[in-house]
Amino acid sequence: MDERQKKLLKEIVESYIKYVKPVGSQALCKRFNLSSATIRNEMATLEKLGYLEKNHISSGRIPSEKGYKYYVDNLMKPKELNGEEMLKLQTIFHNQQLQVSDTIAKCMEIIADITNYTSVVLGRSSNDNTLQQVNIIPLDNNQIIALVCTNKGIVENKKFNIPENIFIEELVKTCEIINKMLVGTPINEVSQRLEFDIKPIISKTIKQYEAVYEIFYDAFNDFTKNSSNVFFSGKTNILKQPEYDNIEEIKRIVNKFEDESLVRKIEENSDGINVYIGEESEFDPNVTVIKSKYNINGEEGTIAIVGPKRMEYDRVIGLLEYINEELSKRKD
């Protein structure tokens, strides 16, 4: 590809991203001070090389996946944040009361809002957490809240109705036994140890030990199911894009966002900011996923932006670069 073709491809990609309309030769004549015939020949060459494609025989060209990829790798420069964007993000980063996971989640909420795309944070799963403490908080009307805390700062709670034949003191006593024996146990192993280590002990001192056991078993079981640490912001933003203008497309992408095993494929293992367009996203052939992994003082995960292939790559990459730069300052 020569320099003129590179400039043409860059113009076509950026025009299509902005206006969502196939680009014809006439629109490029004045911009490049070239004849319509010359522009058509160059566009035909770019199409033959696989960087452009046609929606219809008589239409102008639009970028292909290969064209977007070449644009990202060779022609695009990350866009600098404007003052308002930087201020919003700095407000979060300067809040020293926030844990790393909360900082990341709130920043990705802001990015989802200002880009109108969907942001995803994939934290460590519950299997990577160990039990730090379990607490019982009594409420009125024979209710309690069971709080489960992990070494990674994840806290889950569940409300229970206590049968009349169970005393709160029995729950507190069981709680103390669990904290004494199971602290440091991987969360996904706690339920098993409850049955084989804790249940035999409380069976000797608590009359309704089966019911007490069930309360704690349910609390840990719910924690394991709910603490996959997948956080979405702007999940419906992608539906505002013109690519999703029919009900079948909407149903399809919504179902994919609800499929956690598919969402987990967004997880990133490589360093840096990585762009996956269409089929290579492994999520959906009509989207782009831009993602980056983080590892801050032992907390690991992935941050990602999901949008149409016609994404503002320069803006999204600029925002993620800023996030990564700020997160790196929080390392010990």
Protein backbone atom coordinates (compact mmCIF):
# COMPACT_ATOMS: atom_id res chain seq x y z
CA MET A 1 0.00 0.00 0.00
CA ASP A 2 1.49 3.35 -1.02
CA GLU A 3 1.16 6.60 0.91
CA ARG A 4 -1.82 7.87 -1.07
CA GLN A 5 -3.70 4.65 -0.51
CA LYS A 6 -2.92 4.83 3.20
CA LYS A 7 -4.32 8.36 3.39
CA LEU A 8 -7.40 7.30 1.45
CA LEU A 9 -8.00 4.32 3.72
CA LYS A 10 -7.60 6.49 6.82
CA GLU A 11 -10.11 9.02 5.47
CA ILE A 12 -12.63 6.32 4.53
CA VAL A 13 -12.39 4.59 7.92
CA GLU A 14 -12.77 7.82 9.89
CA SER A 15 -15.61 9.06 7.67
CA TYR A 16 -17.53 5.80 8.06
CA ILE A 17 -16.97 5.78 11.83
CA LYS A 18 -18.39 9.30 12.05
CA TYR A 19 -21.24 9.26 9.54
CA VAL A 20 -22.14 5.55 9.20
CA LYS A 21 -22.46 5.97 5.42
CA PRO A 22 -20.51 4.18 2.68
CA VAL A 23 -17.93 6.53 1.20
CA GLY A 24 -18.05 7.29 -2.53
CA SER A 25 -15.37 8.73 -4.80
CA GLN A 26 -17.09 12.12 -5.15
CA ALA A 27 -16.81 12.78 -1.44
CA LEU A 28 -13.03 12.28 -1.62
CA CYS A 29 -12.22 14.31 -4.75
CA LYS A 30 -11.99 17.71 -3.06
CA ARG A 31 -10.32 16.32 0.03
CA PHE A 32 -7.44 14.88 -2.01
CA ASN A 33 -7.60 17.17 -5.05
CA LEU A 34 -7.80 14.15 -7.35
CA SER A 35 -10.17 13.21 -10.15
CA SER A 36 -13.11 10.91 -9.49
CA ALA A 37 -11.61 8.30 -11.82
CA THR A 38 -8.32 8.27 -9.90
CA ILE A 39 -10.14 7.91 -6.59
CA ARG A 40 -12.25 5.06 -7.96
CA ASN A 41 -9.16 3.24 -9.18
CA GLU A 42 -7.45 3.59 -5.80
CA MET A 43 -10.59 2.43 -3.99
CA ALA A 44 -10.84 -0.55 -6.32
CA THR A 45 -7.23 -1.43 -5.48
CA LEU A 46 -7.92 -1.16 -1.75
CA GLU A 47 -10.97 -3.37 -2.21
CA LYS A 48 -8.92 -5.94 -4.15
CA LEU A 49 -6.35 -5.92 -1.33
CA GLY A 50 -9.15 -6.65 1.14
CA TYR A 51 -9.14 -3.34 3.06
CA LEU A 52 -12.50 -2.09 1.72
CA GLU A 53 -15.77 -3.76 0.82
CA LYS A 54 -19.16 -2.88 -0.66
CA ASN A 55 -22.55 -3.21 0.98
CA HIS A 56 -24.26 -3.06 -2.43
CA ILE A 57 -23.02 -3.07 -6.01
CA SER A 58 -23.79 0.63 -6.55
CA SER A 59 -22.79 1.87 -3.10
CA GLY A 60 -19.57 3.45 -1.92
CA ARG A 61 -17.07 1.49 0.12
CA ILE A 62 -16.89 0.72 3.80
CA PRO A 63 -13.91 -0.63 5.77
CA SER A 64 -13.52 -4.39 6.06
CA GLU A 65 -12.27 -6.05 9.22
CA LYS A 66 -8.83 -6.13 7.61
CA GLY A 67 -9.15 -2.41 6.84
CA TYR A 68 -10.05 -1.56 10.43
CA LYS A 69 -7.14 -3.66 11.67
CA TYR A 70 -4.66 -1.93 9.37
CA TYR A 71 -6.05 1.44 10.44
CA VAL A 72 -5.59 0.61 14.14
CA ASP A 73 -2.11 -0.87 13.71
CA ASN A 74 -0.63 1.63 11.26
CA LEU A 75 -2.69 4.80 10.72
CA MET A 76 -4.43 5.73 13.96
CA LYS A 77 -3.04 7.80 16.82
CA PRO A 78 -4.69 7.58 20.26
CA LYS A 79 -6.79 10.65 21.01
CA GLU A 80 -5.87 12.78 24.00
CA LEU A 81 -8.51 13.25 26.67
CA ASN A 82 -10.25 16.58 26.89
CA GLY A 83 -10.35 18.51 30.15
CA GLU A 84 -13.80 17.32 31.19
CA GLU A 85 -12.98 13.65 30.63
CA MET A 86 -9.71 13.92 32.53
CA LEU A 87 -11.37 15.71 35.44
CA LYS A 88 -14.05 13.04 35.80
CA LEU A 89 -11.48 10.25 35.88
CA GLN A 90 -9.04 12.10 38.13
CA THR A 91 -11.81 12.60 40.67
CA ILE A 92 -12.07 8.81 40.96
CA PHE A 93 -8.32 8.17 41.04
CA HIS A 94 -7.75 10.83 43.70
CA ASN A 95 -10.33 9.24 46.01
CA GLN A 96 -8.01 7.33 48.34
CA GLN A 97 -10.98 5.74 50.15
CA LEU A 98 -11.78 3.56 47.16
CA GLN A 99 -10.33 0.09 46.80
CA VAL A 100 -8.69 -0.79 43.48
CA SER A 101 -11.70 -2.82 42.28
CA ASP A 102 -14.09 0.07 43.02
CA THR A 103 -11.79 2.58 41.32
CA ILE A 104 -11.65 0.47 38.17
CA ALA A 105 -15.42 -0.14 38.13
CA LYS A 106 -16.25 3.56 38.56
CA CYS A 107 -13.76 4.61 35.87
CA MET A 108 -15.25 2.13 33.42
CA GLU A 109 -18.71 3.48 34.22
CA ILE A 110 -17.47 6.92 33.18
CA ILE A 111 -15.92 5.56 29.98
CA ALA A 112 -19.17 3.77 29.09
CA ASP A 113 -21.03 7.02 29.62
CA ILE A 114 -18.74 9.27 27.56
CA THR A 115 -18.20 6.83 24.68
CA ASN A 116 -21.73 5.39 24.55
CA TYR A 117 -20.25 1.90 24.33
CA THR A 118 -20.45 -0.99 26.81
CA SER A 119 -17.68 -1.43 29.36
CA VAL A 120 -16.81 -4.69 31.09
CA VAL A 121 -14.63 -5.40 34.10
CA LEU A 122 -13.65 -9.02 34.66
CA GLY A 123 -12.17 -9.40 38.10
CA ARG A 124 -10.79 -12.53 39.66
CA SER A 125 -13.35 -15.26 40.19
CA SER A 126 -14.35 -16.45 43.65
CA ASN A 127 -11.92 -19.37 43.27
CA ASP A 128 -9.08 -16.88 43.67
CA ASN A 129 -10.46 -15.57 46.97
CA THR A 130 -9.98 -17.04 50.42
CA LEU A 131 -12.29 -16.60 53.39
CA GLN A 132 -11.27 -13.74 55.66
CA GLN A 133 -14.31 -13.52 57.92
CA VAL A 134 -17.99 -14.34 58.24
CA ASN A 135 -20.31 -12.24 60.41
CA ILE A 136 -23.91 -12.44 61.56
CA ILE A 137 -25.92 -9.21 61.90
CA PRO A 138 -29.26 -9.59 63.74
CA LEU A 139 -32.29 -7.70 62.40
CA ASP A 140 -35.85 -7.36 63.62
CA ASN A 141 -38.62 -9.87 62.88
CA ASN A 142 -36.44 -12.98 63.26
CA GLN A 143 -34.13 -12.01 60.41
CA ILE A 144 -30.35 -11.89 60.09
CA ILE A 145 -27.80 -10.82 57.49
CA ALA A 146 -24.86 -13.13 56.86
CA LEU A 147 -21.77 -11.22 55.69
CA VAL A 148 -18.98 -13.09 53.90
CA CYS A 149 -15.65 -11.24 53.40
CA THR A 150 -12.62 -12.39 51.39
CA ASN A 151 -8.94 -11.52 51.43
CA LYS A 152 -9.44 -9.60 48.15
CA GLY A 153 -11.93 -7.22 49.73
CA ILE A 154 -15.05 -8.78 48.22
CA VAL A 155 -18.05 -8.62 50.55
CA GLU A 156 -21.33 -10.43 49.91
CA ASN A 157 -24.40 -10.46 52.12
CA LYS A 158 -27.60 -12.46 52.28
CA LYS A 159 -30.70 -11.97 54.39
CA PHE A 160 -32.25 -15.01 56.14
CA ASN A 161 -35.44 -15.63 58.06
CA ILE A 162 -34.57 -17.55 61.24
CA PRO A 163 -36.93 -20.34 62.32
CA GLU A 164 -38.35 -19.79 65.79
CA ASN A 165 -36.55 -22.83 67.16
CA ILE A 166 -33.10 -21.36 66.37
CA PHE A 167 -31.44 -18.93 68.77
CA ILE A 168 -29.21 -16.14 67.54
CA GLU A 169 -26.59 -17.25 70.05
CA GLU A 170 -26.29 -20.55 68.20
CA LEU A 171 -25.60 -18.74 64.94
CA VAL A 172 -23.01 -16.52 66.58
CA LYS A 173 -21.30 -19.53 68.13
CA THR A 174 -21.21 -21.31 64.74
CA CYS A 175 -19.85 -18.14 63.19
CA GLU A 176 -16.99 -18.11 65.71
CA ILE A 177 -16.15 -21.74 64.93
CA ILE A 178 -16.08 -21.04 61.19
CA ASN A 179 -13.81 -18.02 61.68
CA LYS A 180 -11.48 -20.04 63.87
CA MET A 181 -11.23 -23.06 61.54
CA LEU A 182 -11.87 -21.89 57.97
CA VAL A 183 -10.15 -18.51 57.60
CA GLY A 184 -7.73 -18.78 54.67
CA THR A 185 -9.76 -21.50 52.94
CA PRO A 186 -10.44 -20.90 49.20
CA ILE A 187 -14.06 -19.78 48.88
CA ASN A 188 -14.95 -22.61 46.51
CA GLU A 189 -13.84 -25.14 49.16
CA VAL A 190 -15.67 -23.64 52.13
CA SER A 191 -18.99 -25.41 51.52
CA GLN A 192 -17.29 -28.80 51.54
CA ARG A 193 -15.38 -28.01 54.73
CA LEU A 194 -18.61 -26.80 56.35
CA GLU A 195 -20.08 -30.26 55.88
CA PHE A 196 -17.07 -32.34 56.87
CA ASP A 197 -15.35 -30.13 59.48
CA ILE A 198 -17.95 -27.77 60.97
CA LYS A 199 -21.15 -29.82 60.89
CA PRO A 200 -19.81 -32.65 63.12
CA ILE A 201 -18.71 -30.08 65.73
CA ILE A 202 -21.98 -28.13 65.95
CA SER A 203 -24.02 -31.35 65.94
CA LYS A 204 -22.71 -32.01 69.47
CA THR A 205 -23.76 -28.65 70.95
CA ILE A 206 -26.61 -27.25 68.82
CA LYS A 207 -29.99 -28.95 68.86
CA GLN A 208 -31.14 -27.65 65.47
CA TYR A 209 -27.70 -27.96 63.93
CA GLU A 210 -29.03 -29.03 60.50
CA ALA A 211 -30.99 -25.79 60.11
CA VAL A 212 -28.01 -23.73 61.32
CA TYR A 213 -25.73 -25.56 58.89
CA GLU A 214 -28.13 -24.83 56.00
CA ILE A 215 -28.04 -21.08 56.71
CA PHE A 216 -24.26 -20.91 56.42
CA TYR A 217 -24.17 -23.35 53.51
CA ASP A 218 -26.64 -21.16 51.57
CA ALA A 219 -24.64 -18.02 52.34
CA PHE A 220 -21.38 -19.49 50.97
CA ASN A 221 -23.09 -21.18 48.04
CA ASP A 222 -24.66 -17.88 46.98
CA PHE A 223 -21.33 -16.14 47.38
CA THR A 224 -19.63 -18.60 45.01
CA LYS A 225 -22.38 -18.14 42.42
CA ASN A 226 -22.54 -14.35 42.66
CA SER A 227 -18.87 -13.45 42.97
CA SER A 228 -17.75 -14.14 39.43
CA ASN A 229 -16.83 -10.45 39.41
CA VAL A 230 -18.22 -9.54 36.02
CA PHE A 231 -19.26 -5.89 36.04
CA PHE A 232 -21.04 -4.21 33.13
CA SER A 233 -21.61 -0.52 32.57
CA GLY A 234 -23.81 0.76 29.77
CA LYS A 235 -24.89 -2.75 28.79
CA THR A 236 -27.63 -1.31 26.57
CA ASN A 237 -25.41 1.38 25.01
CA ILE A 238 -24.49 -0.85 22.09
CA LEU A 239 -28.18 -1.15 21.25
CA LYS A 240 -28.22 2.58 20.47
CA GLN A 241 -25.82 2.02 17.56
CA PRO A 242 -27.35 1.90 14.06
CA GLU A 243 -25.95 -1.59 13.55
CA TYR A 244 -28.63 -2.81 15.96
CA ASP A 245 -31.73 -1.56 14.21
CA ASN A 246 -33.76 -4.77 14.17
CA ILE A 247 -35.20 -6.93 16.90
CA GLU A 248 -33.29 -10.08 15.96
CA GLU A 249 -29.90 -8.35 16.23
CA ILE A 250 -30.95 -6.89 19.59
CA LYS A 251 -32.02 -10.28 20.95
CA ARG A 252 -28.82 -11.90 19.75
CA ILE A 253 -26.42 -9.43 21.38
CA VAL A 254 -28.46 -9.22 24.60
CA ASN A 255 -28.35 -13.02 24.94
CA LYS A 256 -24.59 -12.94 24.51
CA PHE A 257 -24.19 -10.38 27.29
CA GLU A 258 -26.23 -12.68 29.55
CA ASP A 259 -24.03 -15.71 28.79
CA GLU A 260 -21.30 -15.54 31.44
CA SER A 261 -19.19 -18.29 29.86
CA LEU A 262 -19.11 -16.24 26.66
CA VAL A 263 -18.43 -12.98 28.50
CA ARG A 264 -15.54 -14.70 30.27
CA LYS A 265 -13.88 -15.12 26.86
CA ILE A 266 -13.30 -11.35 26.94
CA GLU A 267 -10.62 -11.99 29.56
CA GLU A 268 -7.19 -10.73 28.40
CA ASN A 269 -3.87 -12.47 29.04
CA SER A 270 -1.54 -10.33 26.94
CA ASP A 271 0.09 -7.09 28.03
CA GLY A 272 -0.84 -3.70 26.62
CA ILE A 273 -4.08 -2.61 24.97
CA ASN A 274 -5.32 -5.16 22.46
CA VAL A 275 -7.94 -4.73 19.76
CA TYR A 276 -10.09 -7.63 18.55
CA ILE A 277 -12.30 -6.88 15.58
CA GLY A 278 -15.28 -8.95 14.44
CA GLU A 279 -14.59 -12.67 14.31
CA GLU A 280 -11.32 -12.38 16.24
CA SER A 281 -13.20 -10.99 19.25
CA GLU A 282 -14.55 -14.51 19.98
CA PHE A 283 -17.58 -12.71 21.38
CA ASP A 284 -19.61 -11.58 18.39
CA PRO A 285 -18.72 -11.16 14.68
CA ASN A 286 -20.31 -7.71 14.54
CA VAL A 287 -18.45 -6.07 17.42
CA THR A 288 -15.01 -4.84 18.36
CA VAL A 289 -13.60 -5.58 21.81
CA ILE A 290 -10.72 -3.41 23.04
CA LYS A 291 -9.24 -4.74 26.24
CA SER A 292 -6.36 -4.63 28.64
CA LYS A 293 -5.37 -6.69 31.67
CA TYR A 294 -4.44 -5.16 35.02
CA ASN A 295 -2.45 -6.45 37.98
CA ILE A 296 -2.39 -4.01 40.88
CA ASN A 297 -0.85 -5.29 44.10
CA GLY A 298 -2.16 -8.80 43.53
CA GLU A 299 -5.59 -7.80 42.17
CA GLU A 300 -5.87 -9.06 38.62
CA GLY A 301 -8.46 -8.69 35.93
CA THR A 302 -9.46 -7.32 32.55
CA ILE A 303 -11.00 -4.02 31.50
CA ALA A 304 -12.72 -3.93 28.13
CA ILE A 305 -14.87 -1.81 25.86
CA VAL A 306 -17.39 -3.49 23.55
CA GLY A 307 -18.78 -1.55 20.61
CA PRO A 308 -19.52 -1.82 16.91
CA LYS A 309 -16.70 -2.51 14.46
CA ARG A 310 -17.29 1.11 13.49
CA MET A 311 -15.82 2.20 16.82
CA GLU A 312 -13.97 5.41 17.66
CA TYR A 313 -10.73 3.50 18.09
CA ASP A 314 -8.57 6.55 18.73
CA ARG A 315 -10.81 7.78 21.52
CA VAL A 316 -11.28 4.43 23.26
CA ILE A 317 -7.59 3.53 23.12
CA GLY A 318 -6.67 6.99 24.43
CA LEU A 319 -9.03 6.52 27.38
CA LEU A 320 -7.74 3.04 28.21
CA GLU A 321 -4.13 4.23 27.98
CA TYR A 322 -4.96 6.93 30.52
CA ILE A 323 -6.64 4.38 32.83
CA ASN A 324 -3.61 2.08 32.63
CA GLU A 325 -1.23 4.94 33.31
CA GLU A 326 -3.14 6.01 36.41
CA LEU A 327 -3.51 2.44 37.67
CA SER A 328 0.24 1.89 37.35
CA LYS A 329 0.75 4.73 39.84
CA ARG A 330 -1.14 2.69 42.46
CA LYS A 331 1.32 -0.17 42.44
CA ASP A 332 3.42 -0.54 45.57
